[in-house]
Every structure is written in structure tokens, then in C-alpha cells.
Amino acid sequence: MKNKLTLYIAMSVDGYIADQNGGIDFLYDTPAPEPDLDYEAFYASVQAIIFGGATYRQVKYELSPNQWPYLGMPCYVCTHRQNPDDPNVRFTQLPPKQLLDAVWREHPGNIWLMGGGAVIRSFLQENLIDEYYIYVQPIMLGNGIPLFPADFPKTSVRLISCKSIGEIVELRYQRDDGNRNEVELRLSQEFMK
């Protein structure tokens, strides 16, 4: 199994992953019926999750205060804050590359980079994200926390697929390492028609 880091996240049409107060209510305002975003299949494919302190606190205290939603899944929280012991996560201050190497030693395979923006930027600064699953929600917030905060180097990606799922658009990219495989060449040719 190849080790890879996958960013799987939703954003507004104007590029925000949360409103200016950190709220994500807009993610749940999708018109019925609720679209199938293959979350269960994606979740089953990952061996660990990495997220930042703000995302951790949001999950733990707002989104799922009564039960940790990732029981049994190795979870790593990138934070400089002192945190109380939580048996469900490991708090870390390791730089991104060192963290990935440490996680892959224990849990080889696919790691889900959940967010937030500052953590995503730190992994982009070292060009460590292999795949991007970005779900564009049918709303514009006008302000908020951007998916890709400024201050990371130019990063080339290749479009793997683009599809609409109800009112949501799923964009899948992979890091452009300069090598094109047969599937990518076929997709490129389809887009050129």
C-alpha cells in the first residue's frame, strides 16, 4: 500500500471552509435529498487523521460533544497549545514532514488531512499533500476562514475528476509530480474534446 496524504474537505464557492466566527453551519444547508459524497468509503480507506487544534476543539465540543466520532482511528492534533489528556488523540508539535514520517511508521497507507486552514498551509509549504478531494457547497460566504490561507509556494496539481453531486461539485486533484500515468492522459484527452 502506497503512503499518501489526502486533503478531504468542503468549502463555499468563494473558497471558505468556515465563516468568520469559525462556524460551519453552511455545510449542512445543502438542499434535499442529501447527496452521497462517498464519505464512508473514503473514511474506510484511511489509516489515520491529522487536524489542527481549532478543528479538534470544534469536533470535540461542538459537532460531537457526547461521543468522539473517530473511535479507534489514530488521530493527531497539530497544536502549540497545552491540552488536557484525551485518549482519542495524540497532540503534537512536530513539523509536517516529521509528523507524516512518524504516522506512516505506525500506520502505513492513506492519511486524511482534515483541516483547518493553517494546518493545510503548513503541509502545502512543504508540498506534502498527494491528493485533494474538495467539495464545493452551493453558497458564497463573503468572508471567513479560507481553505488555502496565503503564504505557501506555488503548487501544481492535476485534475483527476470533476463531477456534480446534486448541488455540490466534487473536485479531485493530485499533486503534479511531472509524471502522467495512462488514466491522467486519458482524462486530459477527454477534457480537450
Protein backbone atom coordinates (compact mmCIF):
# COMPACT_ATOMS: atom_id res chain seq x y z
CA MET A 1 0.00 0.00 0.00
CA LYS A 2 1.38 3.38 -1.01
CA ASN A 3 1.58 6.08 1.64
CA LYS A 4 -0.33 9.21 0.72
CA LEU A 5 -1.74 12.30 2.38
CA THR A 6 -5.23 13.27 1.22
CA LEU A 7 -6.98 16.55 1.91
CA TYR A 8 -10.73 15.76 2.08
CA ILE A 9 -12.72 18.91 2.80
CA ALA A 10 -15.69 21.08 1.88
CA MET A 11 -15.71 24.78 1.08
CA SER A 12 -18.01 27.55 -0.11
CA VAL A 13 -18.00 28.66 -3.76
CA ASP A 14 -15.83 31.61 -2.71
CA GLY A 15 -13.23 29.39 -1.04
CA TYR A 16 -14.05 29.43 2.68
CA ILE A 17 -14.08 26.37 4.97
CA ALA A 18 -15.79 28.25 7.80
CA ASP A 19 -17.47 31.59 8.38
CA GLN A 20 -15.61 34.44 10.08
CA ASN A 21 -16.55 33.03 13.51
CA GLY A 22 -15.35 29.53 12.62
CA GLY A 23 -18.89 28.22 12.09
CA ILE A 24 -19.61 25.54 9.52
CA ASP A 25 -23.42 25.54 9.56
CA PHE A 26 -23.40 26.32 5.84
CA LEU A 27 -22.16 22.78 5.19
CA TYR A 28 -25.48 21.40 6.37
CA ASP A 29 -27.68 23.74 4.31
CA THR A 30 -27.49 21.57 1.17
CA PRO A 31 -30.89 21.12 -0.48
CA ALA A 32 -32.52 17.69 -0.03
CA PRO A 33 -32.02 14.94 -0.83
CA GLU A 34 -28.68 14.77 0.97
CA PRO A 35 -26.02 13.92 -1.62
CA ASP A 36 -23.81 10.85 -1.30
CA LEU A 37 -20.23 12.14 -1.13
CA ASP A 38 -18.71 8.66 -0.64
CA TYR A 39 -17.62 9.68 2.86
CA GLU A 40 -17.95 6.15 4.26
CA ALA A 41 -15.78 4.68 1.50
CA PHE A 42 -13.20 7.44 1.96
CA TYR A 43 -13.16 7.02 5.74
CA ALA A 44 -12.73 3.26 5.38
CA SER A 45 -9.67 3.90 3.18
CA VAL A 46 -7.72 5.95 5.74
CA GLN A 47 -5.41 4.68 8.45
CA ALA A 48 -5.07 7.96 10.41
CA ILE A 49 -6.34 11.55 10.60
CA ILE A 50 -4.39 14.80 11.07
CA PHE A 51 -6.05 18.08 12.01
CA GLY A 52 -5.36 21.34 13.78
CA GLY A 53 -6.29 22.42 17.27
CA ALA A 54 -9.27 24.57 16.26
CA THR A 55 -10.74 21.74 14.17
CA TYR A 56 -10.17 19.32 17.06
CA ARG A 57 -11.97 21.61 19.52
CA GLN A 58 -14.83 22.13 17.08
CA VAL A 59 -15.30 18.38 16.59
CA LYS A 60 -14.94 17.57 20.29
CA TYR A 61 -17.01 20.35 21.83
CA GLU A 62 -19.47 21.47 19.13
CA LEU A 63 -20.04 18.85 16.46
CA SER A 64 -19.84 15.69 18.54
CA PRO A 65 -19.76 16.60 22.25
CA ASN A 66 -21.21 13.33 23.51
CA GLN A 67 -19.06 10.83 21.63
CA TRP A 68 -15.80 11.05 19.71
CA PRO A 69 -16.78 10.31 16.08
CA TYR A 70 -13.46 8.67 15.15
CA LEU A 71 -13.23 5.97 17.83
CA GLY A 72 -10.47 3.53 17.07
CA MET A 73 -8.94 5.76 14.39
CA PRO A 74 -5.47 7.15 15.15
CA CYS A 75 -5.91 10.94 15.31
CA TYR A 76 -3.12 13.52 15.50
CA VAL A 77 -3.74 17.13 16.53
CA CYS A 78 -1.19 19.73 15.41
CA THR A 79 -1.16 22.40 18.09
CA HIS A 80 1.14 24.54 20.21
CA ARG A 81 -1.46 24.79 22.98
CA GLN A 82 -1.29 22.69 26.09
CA ASN A 83 -4.24 20.31 26.05
CA PRO A 84 -5.76 18.01 28.63
CA ASP A 85 -5.22 14.32 28.15
CA ASP A 86 -7.61 12.88 25.60
CA PRO A 87 -7.28 9.15 24.92
CA ASN A 88 -8.75 9.61 21.44
CA VAL A 89 -5.98 11.83 20.04
CA ARG A 90 -2.26 12.47 20.16
CA PHE A 91 -1.21 16.10 20.43
CA THR A 92 1.91 17.02 18.52
CA GLN A 93 4.17 19.95 17.68
CA LEU A 94 6.20 18.01 15.10
CA PRO A 95 6.82 19.76 11.77
CA PRO A 96 4.66 18.32 8.94
CA LYS A 97 7.26 16.06 7.30
CA GLN A 98 8.41 14.60 10.62
CA LEU A 99 4.81 14.05 11.66
CA LEU A 100 3.96 12.23 8.42
CA ASP A 101 7.03 10.02 8.73
CA ALA A 102 6.13 9.17 12.33
CA VAL A 103 2.49 8.42 11.50
CA TRP A 104 3.41 6.29 8.48
CA ARG A 105 5.84 4.25 10.58
CA GLU A 106 2.91 3.24 12.80
CA HIS A 107 0.04 3.42 10.28
CA PRO A 108 1.19 2.95 6.67
CA GLY A 109 -1.28 3.94 3.96
CA ASN A 110 -3.67 6.84 3.47
CA ILE A 111 -3.77 9.72 5.95
CA TRP A 112 -6.70 12.15 5.97
CA LEU A 113 -5.67 15.78 6.35
CA MET A 114 -8.90 17.22 7.74
CA GLY A 115 -8.02 20.85 8.31
CA GLY A 116 -8.10 23.68 9.24
CA GLY A 117 -6.56 26.28 7.01
CA ALA A 118 -3.36 26.92 8.99
CA VAL A 119 -2.55 23.20 9.17
CA ILE A 120 -3.30 22.78 5.46
CA ARG A 121 -0.94 25.68 4.72
CA SER A 122 1.85 24.09 6.79
CA PHE A 123 1.62 20.90 4.71
CA LEU A 124 1.43 22.93 1.48
CA GLN A 125 4.58 24.82 2.47
CA GLU A 126 6.43 21.50 2.23
CA ASN A 127 4.42 20.23 -0.79
CA LEU A 128 3.28 17.14 1.13
CA ILE A 129 -0.36 16.80 0.03
CA ASP A 130 -0.74 13.99 -2.52
CA GLU A 131 -4.49 14.21 -3.25
CA TYR A 132 -7.22 16.80 -2.85
CA TYR A 133 -10.92 15.95 -2.50
CA ILE A 134 -12.68 19.33 -2.42
CA TYR A 135 -16.47 19.54 -2.17
CA VAL A 136 -17.79 22.94 -3.26
CA GLN A 137 -21.01 23.83 -1.43
CA PRO A 138 -23.64 25.95 -3.22
CA ILE A 139 -23.13 29.08 -1.13
CA MET A 140 -20.91 32.15 -1.03
CA LEU A 141 -20.00 33.38 2.46
CA GLY A 142 -18.31 36.66 1.51
CA ASN A 143 -15.85 36.29 4.39
CA GLY A 144 -14.41 33.63 6.63
CA ILE A 145 -11.57 31.19 7.04
CA PRO A 146 -10.05 30.41 3.64
CA LEU A 147 -9.31 26.86 2.57
CA PHE A 148 -5.88 27.95 1.39
CA PRO A 149 -4.55 30.81 3.55
CA ALA A 150 -1.80 32.87 1.90
CA ASP A 151 1.90 32.17 2.27
CA PHE A 152 2.77 28.89 0.66
CA PRO A 153 4.77 28.26 -2.51
CA LYS A 154 3.20 27.78 -5.91
CA THR A 155 1.84 24.24 -6.05
CA SER A 156 0.96 22.41 -9.26
CA VAL A 157 -1.88 19.90 -9.23
CA ARG A 158 -3.60 17.80 -11.87
CA LEU A 159 -7.35 17.43 -12.19
CA ILE A 160 -8.37 13.80 -11.77
CA SER A 161 -12.13 14.27 -11.85
CA CYS A 162 -14.86 16.86 -11.60
CA LYS A 163 -18.48 15.92 -11.06
CA SER A 164 -21.68 17.36 -9.71
CA ILE A 165 -23.40 15.55 -6.88
CA GLY A 166 -26.75 17.24 -6.55
CA GLU A 167 -25.93 20.91 -5.86
CA ILE A 168 -22.36 20.10 -4.74
CA VAL A 169 -19.33 19.92 -7.04
CA GLU A 170 -16.65 17.36 -6.26
CA LEU A 171 -13.15 18.34 -7.42
CA ARG A 172 -10.38 15.76 -7.23
CA TYR A 173 -6.79 16.75 -7.83
CA GLN A 174 -3.44 15.12 -7.26
CA ARG A 175 -0.05 16.66 -6.75
CA ASP A 176 1.72 17.21 -10.06
CA ASP A 177 4.99 15.36 -9.79
CA GLY A 178 5.68 15.71 -13.51
CA ASN A 179 4.74 12.11 -14.34
CA ARG A 180 1.49 11.40 -16.12
CA ASN A 181 0.01 7.95 -15.98
CA GLU A 182 -2.34 6.43 -18.52
CA VAL A 183 -5.52 7.46 -16.64
CA GLU A 184 -4.38 11.09 -16.42
CA LEU A 185 -3.54 11.16 -20.12
CA ARG A 186 -6.96 9.76 -20.99
CA LEU A 187 -8.71 12.32 -18.76
CA SER A 188 -6.71 15.14 -20.31
CA GLN A 189 -7.67 13.98 -23.78
CA GLU A 190 -11.35 13.83 -22.78
CA PHE A 191 -11.23 17.43 -21.49
CA MET A 192 -9.61 18.60 -24.74
CA LYS A 193 -12.52 17.31 -26.88
